[in-house]
Amino acid sequence: MHELVLSLWRETGTTIFMVTHDLKE
């Protein structure tokens, strides 16, 4: 899923806000 989201973000240029409890993520 990380690979997918990064790929889609690069393709679309969408501004993303993501809440996570995982500091490494």
mmCIF file of all heavy atoms, coordinates in Angstrom:
data_MODEL
# 
_entry.id   MODEL 
# 
loop_
_atom_site.group_PDB 
_atom_site.id 
_atom_site.type_symbol 
_atom_site.label_atom_id 
_atom_site.label_alt_id 
_atom_site.label_comp_id 
_atom_site.label_asym_id 
_atom_site.label_entity_id 
_atom_site.label_seq_id 
_atom_site.pdbx_PDB_ins_code 
_atom_site.Cartn_x 
_atom_site.Cartn_y 
_atom_site.Cartn_z 
_atom_site.occupancy 
_atom_site.B_iso_or_equiv 
_atom_site.pdbx_formal_charge 
_atom_site.auth_seq_id 
_atom_site.auth_comp_id 
_atom_site.auth_asym_id 
_atom_site.auth_atom_id 
_atom_site.pdbx_PDB_model_num 
ATOM 1   N N   . MET A 1 1  ? 0.826  -1.205 0.000   1.00 0.00 ? 1  MET A N   1 
ATOM 2   C CA  . MET A 1 1  ? 0.000  0.000  0.000   1.00 0.00 ? 1  MET A CA  1 
ATOM 3   C C   . MET A 1 1  ? 0.861  1.257  0.000   1.00 0.00 ? 1  MET A C   1 
ATOM 4   O O   . MET A 1 1  ? 0.506  2.262  -0.624  1.00 0.00 ? 1  MET A O   1 
ATOM 5   C CB  . MET A 1 1  ? -0.939 -0.014 1.204   1.00 0.00 ? 1  MET A CB  1 
ATOM 6   C CG  . MET A 1 1  ? -1.941 -1.161 1.210   1.00 0.00 ? 1  MET A CG  1 
ATOM 7   S SD  . MET A 1 1  ? -2.925 -1.258 -0.308  1.00 0.00 ? 1  MET A SD  1 
ATOM 8   C CE  . MET A 1 1  ? -3.775 0.309  -0.238  1.00 0.00 ? 1  MET A CE  1 
ATOM 9   N N   . HIS A 1 2  ? 1.985  1.227  0.694   1.00 0.00 ? 2  HIS A N   1 
ATOM 10  C CA  . HIS A 1 2  ? 2.907  2.364  0.655   1.00 0.00 ? 2  HIS A CA  1 
ATOM 11  C C   . HIS A 1 2  ? 3.371  2.624  -0.777  1.00 0.00 ? 2  HIS A C   1 
ATOM 12  O O   . HIS A 1 2  ? 3.386  3.773  -1.239  1.00 0.00 ? 2  HIS A O   1 
ATOM 13  C CB  . HIS A 1 2  ? 4.131  2.079  1.531   1.00 0.00 ? 2  HIS A CB  1 
ATOM 14  C CG  . HIS A 1 2  ? 3.835  2.081  3.002   1.00 0.00 ? 2  HIS A CG  1 
ATOM 15  N ND1 . HIS A 1 2  ? 4.747  1.654  3.939   1.00 0.00 ? 2  HIS A ND1 1 
ATOM 16  C CD2 . HIS A 1 2  ? 2.726  2.445  3.694   1.00 0.00 ? 2  HIS A CD2 1 
ATOM 17  C CE1 . HIS A 1 2  ? 4.223  1.772  5.144   1.00 0.00 ? 2  HIS A CE1 1 
ATOM 18  N NE2 . HIS A 1 2  ? 2.996  2.239  5.018   1.00 0.00 ? 2  HIS A NE2 1 
ATOM 19  N N   . GLU A 1 3  ? 3.753  1.560  -1.453  1.00 0.00 ? 3  GLU A N   1 
ATOM 20  C CA  . GLU A 1 3  ? 4.213  1.696  -2.837  1.00 0.00 ? 3  GLU A CA  1 
ATOM 21  C C   . GLU A 1 3  ? 3.109  2.277  -3.716  1.00 0.00 ? 3  GLU A C   1 
ATOM 22  O O   . GLU A 1 3  ? 3.343  3.163  -4.543  1.00 0.00 ? 3  GLU A O   1 
ATOM 23  C CB  . GLU A 1 3  ? 4.636  0.321  -3.363  1.00 0.00 ? 3  GLU A CB  1 
ATOM 24  C CG  . GLU A 1 3  ? 5.125  0.347  -4.799  1.00 0.00 ? 3  GLU A CG  1 
ATOM 25  C CD  . GLU A 1 3  ? 5.427  -1.035 -5.325  1.00 0.00 ? 3  GLU A CD  1 
ATOM 26  O OE1 . GLU A 1 3  ? 5.443  -1.999 -4.524  1.00 0.00 ? 3  GLU A OE1 1 
ATOM 27  O OE2 . GLU A 1 3  ? 5.631  -1.163 -6.544  1.00 0.00 ? 3  GLU A OE2 1 
ATOM 28  N N   . LEU A 1 4  ? 1.873  1.772  -3.513  1.00 0.00 ? 4  LEU A N   1 
ATOM 29  C CA  . LEU A 1 4  ? 0.741  2.240  -4.308  1.00 0.00 ? 4  LEU A CA  1 
ATOM 30  C C   . LEU A 1 4  ? 0.479  3.727  -4.081  1.00 0.00 ? 4  LEU A C   1 
ATOM 31  O O   . LEU A 1 4  ? 0.327  4.499  -5.036  1.00 0.00 ? 4  LEU A O   1 
ATOM 32  C CB  . LEU A 1 4  ? -0.512 1.429  -3.957  1.00 0.00 ? 4  LEU A CB  1 
ATOM 33  C CG  . LEU A 1 4  ? -1.832 1.936  -4.554  1.00 0.00 ? 4  LEU A CG  1 
ATOM 34  C CD1 . LEU A 1 4  ? -1.807 1.827  -6.067  1.00 0.00 ? 4  LEU A CD1 1 
ATOM 35  C CD2 . LEU A 1 4  ? -3.009 1.172  -3.967  1.00 0.00 ? 4  LEU A CD2 1 
ATOM 36  N N   . VAL A 1 5  ? 0.411  4.144  -2.813  1.00 0.00 ? 5  VAL A N   1 
ATOM 37  C CA  . VAL A 1 5  ? 0.091  5.539  -2.508  1.00 0.00 ? 5  VAL A CA  1 
ATOM 38  C C   . VAL A 1 5  ? 1.168  6.484  -3.025  1.00 0.00 ? 5  VAL A C   1 
ATOM 39  O O   . VAL A 1 5  ? 0.862  7.542  -3.596  1.00 0.00 ? 5  VAL A O   1 
ATOM 40  C CB  . VAL A 1 5  ? -0.122 5.718  -0.992  1.00 0.00 ? 5  VAL A CB  1 
ATOM 41  C CG1 . VAL A 1 5  ? -0.172 7.192  -0.616  1.00 0.00 ? 5  VAL A CG1 1 
ATOM 42  C CG2 . VAL A 1 5  ? -1.418 5.045  -0.560  1.00 0.00 ? 5  VAL A CG2 1 
ATOM 43  N N   . LEU A 1 6  ? 2.443  6.114  -2.859  1.00 0.00 ? 6  LEU A N   1 
ATOM 44  C CA  . LEU A 1 6  ? 3.514  6.955  -3.383  1.00 0.00 ? 6  LEU A CA  1 
ATOM 45  C C   . LEU A 1 6  ? 3.444  7.066  -4.898  1.00 0.00 ? 6  LEU A C   1 
ATOM 46  O O   . LEU A 1 6  ? 3.661  8.138  -5.469  1.00 0.00 ? 6  LEU A O   1 
ATOM 47  C CB  . LEU A 1 6  ? 4.873  6.392  -2.943  1.00 0.00 ? 6  LEU A CB  1 
ATOM 48  C CG  . LEU A 1 6  ? 5.266  6.599  -1.483  1.00 0.00 ? 6  LEU A CG  1 
ATOM 49  C CD1 . LEU A 1 6  ? 6.561  5.870  -1.173  1.00 0.00 ? 6  LEU A CD1 1 
ATOM 50  C CD2 . LEU A 1 6  ? 5.394  8.079  -1.151  1.00 0.00 ? 6  LEU A CD2 1 
ATOM 51  N N   . SER A 1 7  ? 3.134  5.962  -5.554  1.00 0.00 ? 7  SER A N   1 
ATOM 52  C CA  . SER A 1 7  ? 3.033  5.973  -7.010  1.00 0.00 ? 7  SER A CA  1 
ATOM 53  C C   . SER A 1 7  ? 1.891  6.869  -7.473  1.00 0.00 ? 7  SER A C   1 
ATOM 54  O O   . SER A 1 7  ? 2.056  7.692  -8.382  1.00 0.00 ? 7  SER A O   1 
ATOM 55  C CB  . SER A 1 7  ? 2.835  4.541  -7.521  1.00 0.00 ? 7  SER A CB  1 
ATOM 56  O OG  . SER A 1 7  ? 2.652  4.528  -8.921  1.00 0.00 ? 7  SER A OG  1 
ATOM 57  N N   . LEU A 1 8  ? 0.719  6.727  -6.848  1.00 0.00 ? 8  LEU A N   1 
ATOM 58  C CA  . LEU A 1 8  ? -0.439 7.545  -7.223  1.00 0.00 ? 8  LEU A CA  1 
ATOM 59  C C   . LEU A 1 8  ? -0.193 9.020  -6.920  1.00 0.00 ? 8  LEU A C   1 
ATOM 60  O O   . LEU A 1 8  ? -0.592 9.895  -7.688  1.00 0.00 ? 8  LEU A O   1 
ATOM 61  C CB  . LEU A 1 8  ? -1.686 7.051  -6.490  1.00 0.00 ? 8  LEU A CB  1 
ATOM 62  C CG  . LEU A 1 8  ? -2.208 5.669  -6.895  1.00 0.00 ? 8  LEU A CG  1 
ATOM 63  C CD1 . LEU A 1 8  ? -3.326 5.223  -5.961  1.00 0.00 ? 8  LEU A CD1 1 
ATOM 64  C CD2 . LEU A 1 8  ? -2.700 5.674  -8.342  1.00 0.00 ? 8  LEU A CD2 1 
ATOM 65  N N   . TRP A 1 9  ? 0.467  9.278  -5.804  1.00 0.00 ? 9  TRP A N   1 
ATOM 66  C CA  . TRP A 1 9  ? 0.776  10.667 -5.445  1.00 0.00 ? 9  TRP A CA  1 
ATOM 67  C C   . TRP A 1 9  ? 1.686  11.312 -6.493  1.00 0.00 ? 9  TRP A C   1 
ATOM 68  O O   . TRP A 1 9  ? 1.458  12.458 -6.913  1.00 0.00 ? 9  TRP A O   1 
ATOM 69  C CB  . TRP A 1 9  ? 1.427  10.695 -4.067  1.00 0.00 ? 9  TRP A CB  1 
ATOM 70  C CG  . TRP A 1 9  ? 2.002  12.019 -3.669  1.00 0.00 ? 9  TRP A CG  1 
ATOM 71  C CD1 . TRP A 1 9  ? 1.341  13.207 -3.539  1.00 0.00 ? 9  TRP A CD1 1 
ATOM 72  C CD2 . TRP A 1 9  ? 3.367  12.284 -3.360  1.00 0.00 ? 9  TRP A CD2 1 
ATOM 73  N NE1 . TRP A 1 9  ? 2.205  14.195 -3.156  1.00 0.00 ? 9  TRP A NE1 1 
ATOM 74  C CE2 . TRP A 1 9  ? 3.457  13.657 -3.032  1.00 0.00 ? 9  TRP A CE2 1 
ATOM 75  C CE3 . TRP A 1 9  ? 4.512  11.492 -3.293  1.00 0.00 ? 9  TRP A CE3 1 
ATOM 76  C CZ2 . TRP A 1 9  ? 4.660  14.266 -2.669  1.00 0.00 ? 9  TRP A CZ2 1 
ATOM 77  C CZ3 . TRP A 1 9  ? 5.699  12.098 -2.929  1.00 0.00 ? 9  TRP A CZ3 1 
ATOM 78  C CH2 . TRP A 1 9  ? 5.765  13.464 -2.625  1.00 0.00 ? 9  TRP A CH2 1 
ATOM 79  N N   . ARG A 1 10 ? 2.676  10.571 -6.931  1.00 0.00 ? 10 ARG A N   1 
ATOM 80  C CA  . ARG A 1 10 ? 3.588  11.119 -7.942  1.00 0.00 ? 10 ARG A CA  1 
ATOM 81  C C   . ARG A 1 10 ? 2.874  11.346 -9.271  1.00 0.00 ? 10 ARG A C   1 
ATOM 82  O O   . ARG A 1 10 ? 3.133  12.333 -9.968  1.00 0.00 ? 10 ARG A O   1 
ATOM 83  C CB  . ARG A 1 10 ? 4.767  10.165 -8.148  1.00 0.00 ? 10 ARG A CB  1 
ATOM 84  C CG  . ARG A 1 10 ? 5.675  10.032 -6.929  1.00 0.00 ? 10 ARG A CG  1 
ATOM 85  C CD  . ARG A 1 10 ? 6.789  9.042  -7.184  1.00 0.00 ? 10 ARG A CD  1 
ATOM 86  N NE  . ARG A 1 10 ? 7.724  9.521  -8.189  1.00 0.00 ? 10 ARG A NE  1 
ATOM 87  C CZ  . ARG A 1 10 ? 8.695  8.794  -8.722  1.00 0.00 ? 10 ARG A CZ  1 
ATOM 88  N NH1 . ARG A 1 10 ? 8.856  7.541  -8.332  1.00 0.00 ? 10 ARG A NH1 1 
ATOM 89  N NH2 . ARG A 1 10 ? 9.497  9.293  -9.614  1.00 0.00 ? 10 ARG A NH2 1 
ATOM 90  N N   . GLU A 1 11 ? 1.954  10.455 -9.619  1.00 0.00 ? 11 GLU A N   1 
ATOM 91  C CA  . GLU A 1 11 ? 1.247  10.572 -10.895 1.00 0.00 ? 11 GLU A CA  1 
ATOM 92  C C   . GLU A 1 11 ? 0.235  11.716 -10.890 1.00 0.00 ? 11 GLU A C   1 
ATOM 93  O O   . GLU A 1 11 ? 0.065  12.405 -11.894 1.00 0.00 ? 11 GLU A O   1 
ATOM 94  C CB  . GLU A 1 11 ? 0.523  9.261  -11.209 1.00 0.00 ? 11 GLU A CB  1 
ATOM 95  C CG  . GLU A 1 11 ? 1.445  8.104  -11.550 1.00 0.00 ? 11 GLU A CG  1 
ATOM 96  C CD  . GLU A 1 11 ? 0.690  6.805  -11.699 1.00 0.00 ? 11 GLU A CD  1 
ATOM 97  O OE1 . GLU A 1 11 ? -0.561 6.842  -11.680 1.00 0.00 ? 11 GLU A OE1 1 
ATOM 98  O OE2 . GLU A 1 11 ? 1.330  5.751  -11.819 1.00 0.00 ? 11 GLU A OE2 1 
ATOM 99  N N   . THR A 1 12 ? -0.448 11.913 -9.768  1.00 0.00 ? 12 THR A N   1 
ATOM 100 C CA  . THR A 1 12 ? -1.564 12.863 -9.735  1.00 0.00 ? 12 THR A CA  1 
ATOM 101 C C   . THR A 1 12 ? -1.194 14.238 -9.193  1.00 0.00 ? 12 THR A C   1 
ATOM 102 O O   . THR A 1 12 ? -1.868 15.220 -9.490  1.00 0.00 ? 12 THR A O   1 
ATOM 103 C CB  . THR A 1 12 ? -2.709 12.310 -8.869  1.00 0.00 ? 12 THR A CB  1 
ATOM 104 O OG1 . THR A 1 12 ? -2.252 12.145 -7.515  1.00 0.00 ? 12 THR A OG1 1 
ATOM 105 C CG2 . THR A 1 12 ? -3.184 10.957 -9.396  1.00 0.00 ? 12 THR A CG2 1 
ATOM 106 N N   . GLY A 1 13 ? -0.155 14.330 -8.382  1.00 0.00 ? 13 GLY A N   1 
ATOM 107 C CA  . GLY A 1 13 ? 0.194  15.609 -7.772  1.00 0.00 ? 13 GLY A CA  1 
ATOM 108 C C   . GLY A 1 13 ? -0.793 16.064 -6.713  1.00 0.00 ? 13 GLY A C   1 
ATOM 109 O O   . GLY A 1 13 ? -0.834 17.248 -6.350  1.00 0.00 ? 13 GLY A O   1 
ATOM 110 N N   . THR A 1 14 ? -1.586 15.123 -6.196  1.00 0.00 ? 14 THR A N   1 
ATOM 111 C CA  . THR A 1 14 ? -2.579 15.438 -5.176  1.00 0.00 ? 14 THR A CA  1 
ATOM 112 C C   . THR A 1 14 ? -1.898 15.840 -3.869  1.00 0.00 ? 14 THR A C   1 
ATOM 113 O O   . THR A 1 14 ? -0.876 15.279 -3.494  1.00 0.00 ? 14 THR A O   1 
ATOM 114 C CB  . THR A 1 14 ? -3.486 14.214 -4.922  1.00 0.00 ? 14 THR A CB  1 
ATOM 115 O OG1 . THR A 1 14 ? -4.061 13.800 -6.157  1.00 0.00 ? 14 THR A OG1 1 
ATOM 116 C CG2 . THR A 1 14 ? -4.589 14.546 -3.936  1.00 0.00 ? 14 THR A CG2 1 
ATOM 117 N N   . THR A 1 15 ? -2.467 16.827 -3.195  1.00 0.00 ? 15 THR A N   1 
ATOM 118 C CA  . THR A 1 15 ? -1.995 17.198 -1.867  1.00 0.00 ? 15 THR A CA  1 
ATOM 119 C C   . THR A 1 15 ? -2.578 16.207 -0.864  1.00 0.00 ? 15 THR A C   1 
ATOM 120 O O   . THR A 1 15 ? -3.798 16.014 -0.812  1.00 0.00 ? 15 THR A O   1 
ATOM 121 C CB  . THR A 1 15 ? -2.442 18.624 -1.513  1.00 0.00 ? 15 THR A CB  1 
ATOM 122 O OG1 . THR A 1 15 ? -1.965 19.521 -2.512  1.00 0.00 ? 15 THR A OG1 1 
ATOM 123 C CG2 . THR A 1 15 ? -1.894 19.041 -0.148  1.00 0.00 ? 15 THR A CG2 1 
ATOM 124 N N   . ILE A 1 16 ? -1.719 15.561 -0.075  1.00 0.00 ? 16 ILE A N   1 
ATOM 125 C CA  . ILE A 1 16 ? -2.165 14.495 0.823   1.00 0.00 ? 16 ILE A CA  1 
ATOM 126 C C   . ILE A 1 16 ? -1.890 14.865 2.281   1.00 0.00 ? 16 ILE A C   1 
ATOM 127 O O   . ILE A 1 16 ? -0.814 15.360 2.609   1.00 0.00 ? 16 ILE A O   1 
ATOM 128 C CB  . ILE A 1 16 ? -1.472 13.165 0.492   1.00 0.00 ? 16 ILE A CB  1 
ATOM 129 C CG1 . ILE A 1 16 ? -1.842 12.711 -0.937  1.00 0.00 ? 16 ILE A CG1 1 
ATOM 130 C CG2 . ILE A 1 16 ? -1.857 12.072 1.501   1.00 0.00 ? 16 ILE A CG2 1 
ATOM 131 C CD1 . ILE A 1 16 ? -1.186 11.400 -1.357  1.00 0.00 ? 16 ILE A CD1 1 
ATOM 132 N N   . PHE A 1 17 ? -2.893 14.626 3.126   1.00 0.00 ? 17 PHE A N   1 
ATOM 133 C CA  . PHE A 1 17 ? -2.737 14.685 4.577   1.00 0.00 ? 17 PHE A CA  1 
ATOM 134 C C   . PHE A 1 17 ? -3.037 13.295 5.107   1.00 0.00 ? 17 PHE A C   1 
ATOM 135 O O   . PHE A 1 17 ? -4.108 12.740 4.840   1.00 0.00 ? 17 PHE A O   1 
ATOM 136 C CB  . PHE A 1 17 ? -3.709 15.679 5.212   1.00 0.00 ? 17 PHE A CB  1 
ATOM 137 C CG  . PHE A 1 17 ? -3.449 17.117 4.868   1.00 0.00 ? 17 PHE A CG  1 
ATOM 138 C CD1 . PHE A 1 17 ? -3.940 17.667 3.691   1.00 0.00 ? 17 PHE A CD1 1 
ATOM 139 C CD2 . PHE A 1 17 ? -2.724 17.928 5.727   1.00 0.00 ? 17 PHE A CD2 1 
ATOM 140 C CE1 . PHE A 1 17 ? -3.713 18.997 3.373   1.00 0.00 ? 17 PHE A CE1 1 
ATOM 141 C CE2 . PHE A 1 17 ? -2.493 19.264 5.428   1.00 0.00 ? 17 PHE A CE2 1 
ATOM 142 C CZ  . PHE A 1 17 ? -2.985 19.800 4.249   1.00 0.00 ? 17 PHE A CZ  1 
ATOM 143 N N   . MET A 1 18 ? -2.113 12.706 5.857   1.00 0.00 ? 18 MET A N   1 
ATOM 144 C CA  . MET A 1 18 ? -2.318 11.361 6.379   1.00 0.00 ? 18 MET A CA  1 
ATOM 145 C C   . MET A 1 18 ? -2.032 11.295 7.865   1.00 0.00 ? 18 MET A C   1 
ATOM 146 O O   . MET A 1 18 ? -0.935 11.640 8.317   1.00 0.00 ? 18 MET A O   1 
ATOM 147 C CB  . MET A 1 18 ? -1.428 10.341 5.658   1.00 0.00 ? 18 MET A CB  1 
ATOM 148 C CG  . MET A 1 18 ? -1.755 8.907  6.050   1.00 0.00 ? 18 MET A CG  1 
ATOM 149 S SD  . MET A 1 18 ? -0.695 7.670  5.255   1.00 0.00 ? 18 MET A SD  1 
ATOM 150 C CE  . MET A 1 18 ? 0.671  7.622  6.400   1.00 0.00 ? 18 MET A CE  1 
ATOM 151 N N   . VAL A 1 19 ? -3.033 10.850 8.639   1.00 0.00 ? 19 VAL A N   1 
ATOM 152 C CA  . VAL A 1 19 ? -2.854 10.588 10.066  1.00 0.00 ? 19 VAL A CA  1 
ATOM 153 C C   . VAL A 1 19 ? -2.330 9.175  10.241  1.00 0.00 ? 19 VAL A C   1 
ATOM 154 O O   . VAL A 1 19 ? -2.831 8.234  9.617   1.00 0.00 ? 19 VAL A O   1 
ATOM 155 C CB  . VAL A 1 19 ? -4.198 10.749 10.818  1.00 0.00 ? 19 VAL A CB  1 
ATOM 156 C CG1 . VAL A 1 19 ? -4.083 10.212 12.247  1.00 0.00 ? 19 VAL A CG1 1 
ATOM 157 C CG2 . VAL A 1 19 ? -4.625 12.207 10.832  1.00 0.00 ? 19 VAL A CG2 1 
ATOM 158 N N   . THR A 1 20 ? -1.307 9.010  11.070  1.00 0.00 ? 20 THR A N   1 
ATOM 159 C CA  . THR A 1 20 ? -0.772 7.685  11.339  1.00 0.00 ? 20 THR A CA  1 
ATOM 160 C C   . THR A 1 20 ? -0.238 7.637  12.773  1.00 0.00 ? 20 THR A C   1 
ATOM 161 O O   . THR A 1 20 ? 0.217  8.654  13.308  1.00 0.00 ? 20 THR A O   1 
ATOM 162 C CB  . THR A 1 20 ? 0.354  7.318  10.353  1.00 0.00 ? 20 THR A CB  1 
ATOM 163 O OG1 . THR A 1 20 ? 0.902  6.045  10.713  1.00 0.00 ? 20 THR A OG1 1 
ATOM 164 C CG2 . THR A 1 20 ? 1.468  8.348  10.352  1.00 0.00 ? 20 THR A CG2 1 
ATOM 165 N N   . HIS A 1 21 ? -0.323 6.457  13.386  1.00 0.00 ? 21 HIS A N   1 
ATOM 166 C CA  . HIS A 1 21 ? 0.302  6.239  14.686  1.00 0.00 ? 21 HIS A CA  1 
ATOM 167 C C   . HIS A 1 21 ? 1.719  5.695  14.536  1.00 0.00 ? 21 HIS A C   1 
ATOM 168 O O   . HIS A 1 21 ? 2.456  5.580  15.517  1.00 0.00 ? 21 HIS A O   1 
ATOM 169 C CB  . HIS A 1 21 ? -0.532 5.252  15.525  1.00 0.00 ? 21 HIS A CB  1 
ATOM 170 C CG  . HIS A 1 21 ? -1.619 5.915  16.305  1.00 0.00 ? 21 HIS A CG  1 
ATOM 171 N ND1 . HIS A 1 21 ? -2.934 5.910  15.903  1.00 0.00 ? 21 HIS A ND1 1 
ATOM 172 C CD2 . HIS A 1 21 ? -1.584 6.631  17.451  1.00 0.00 ? 21 HIS A CD2 1 
ATOM 173 C CE1 . HIS A 1 21 ? -3.660 6.574  16.792  1.00 0.00 ? 21 HIS A CE1 1 
ATOM 174 N NE2 . HIS A 1 21 ? -2.866 7.028  17.724  1.00 0.00 ? 21 HIS A NE2 1 
ATOM 175 N N   . ASP A 1 22 ? 2.082  5.340  13.310  1.00 0.00 ? 22 ASP A N   1 
ATOM 176 C CA  . ASP A 1 22 ? 3.371  4.719  13.036  1.00 0.00 ? 22 ASP A CA  1 
ATOM 177 C C   . ASP A 1 22 ? 4.374  5.794  12.619  1.00 0.00 ? 22 ASP A C   1 
ATOM 178 O O   . ASP A 1 22 ? 4.315  6.322  11.509  1.00 0.00 ? 22 ASP A O   1 
ATOM 179 C CB  . ASP A 1 22 ? 3.201  3.678  11.923  1.00 0.00 ? 22 ASP A CB  1 
ATOM 180 C CG  . ASP A 1 22 ? 4.457  2.848  11.702  1.00 0.00 ? 22 ASP A CG  1 
ATOM 181 O OD1 . ASP A 1 22 ? 5.558  3.351  11.964  1.00 0.00 ? 22 ASP A OD1 1 
ATOM 182 O OD2 . ASP A 1 22 ? 4.332  1.702  11.249  1.00 0.00 ? 22 ASP A OD2 1 
ATOM 183 N N   . LEU A 1 23 ? 5.296  6.135  13.526  1.00 0.00 ? 23 LEU A N   1 
ATOM 184 C CA  . LEU A 1 23 ? 6.263  7.192  13.250  1.00 0.00 ? 23 LEU A CA  1 
ATOM 185 C C   . LEU A 1 23 ? 7.123  6.857  12.040  1.00 0.00 ? 23 LEU A C   1 
ATOM 186 O O   . LEU A 1 23 ? 7.410  7.721  11.202  1.00 0.00 ? 23 LEU A O   1 
ATOM 187 C CB  . LEU A 1 23 ? 7.137  7.414  14.486  1.00 0.00 ? 23 LEU A CB  1 
ATOM 188 C CG  . LEU A 1 23 ? 8.008  8.674  14.504  1.00 0.00 ? 23 LEU A CG  1 
ATOM 189 C CD1 . LEU A 1 23 ? 7.149  9.913  14.461  1.00 0.00 ? 23 LEU A CD1 1 
ATOM 190 C CD2 . LEU A 1 23 ? 8.906  8.676  15.736  1.00 0.00 ? 23 LEU A CD2 1 
ATOM 191 N N   . LYS A 1 24 ? 7.525  5.599  11.921  1.00 0.00 ? 24 LYS A N   1 
ATOM 192 C CA  . LYS A 1 24 ? 8.342  5.180  10.782  1.00 0.00 ? 24 LYS A CA  1 
ATOM 193 C C   . LYS A 1 24 ? 7.584  5.370  9.472   1.00 0.00 ? 24 LYS A C   1 
ATOM 194 O O   . LYS A 1 24 ? 8.147  5.848  8.480   1.00 0.00 ? 24 LYS A O   1 
ATOM 195 C CB  . LYS A 1 24 ? 8.739  3.711  10.947  1.00 0.00 ? 24 LYS A CB  1 
ATOM 196 C CG  . LYS A 1 24 ? 9.620  3.180  9.825   1.00 0.00 ? 24 LYS A CG  1 
ATOM 197 C CD  . LYS A 1 24 ? 9.978  1.715  10.066  1.00 0.00 ? 24 LYS A CD  1 
ATOM 198 C CE  . LYS A 1 24 ? 10.804 1.162  8.908   1.00 0.00 ? 24 LYS A CE  1 
ATOM 199 N NZ  . LYS A 1 24 ? 11.130 -0.287 9.125   1.00 0.00 ? 24 LYS A NZ  1 
ATOM 200 N N   . GLU A 1 25 ? 6.299  5.019  9.476   1.00 0.00 ? 25 GLU A N   1 
ATOM 201 C CA  . GLU A 1 25 ? 5.471  5.201  8.283   1.00 0.00 ? 25 GLU A CA  1 
ATOM 202 C C   . GLU A 1 25 ? 5.363  6.681  7.929   1.00 0.00 ? 25 GLU A C   1 
ATOM 203 O O   . GLU A 1 25 ? 5.420  7.059  6.754   1.00 0.00 ? 25 GLU A O   1 
ATOM 204 C CB  . GLU A 1 25 ? 4.085  4.618  8.546   1.00 0.00 ? 25 GLU A CB  1 
ATOM 205 C CG  . GLU A 1 25 ? 3.118  4.720  7.370   1.00 0.00 ? 25 GLU A CG  1 
ATOM 206 C CD  . GLU A 1 25 ? 1.795  4.042  7.675   1.00 0.00 ? 25 GLU A CD  1 
ATOM 207 O OE1 . GLU A 1 25 ? 1.015  4.574  8.507   1.00 0.00 ? 25 GLU A OE1 1 
ATOM 208 O OE2 . GLU A 1 25 ? 1.529  2.976  7.093   1.00 0.00 ? 25 GLU A OE2 1 
# 
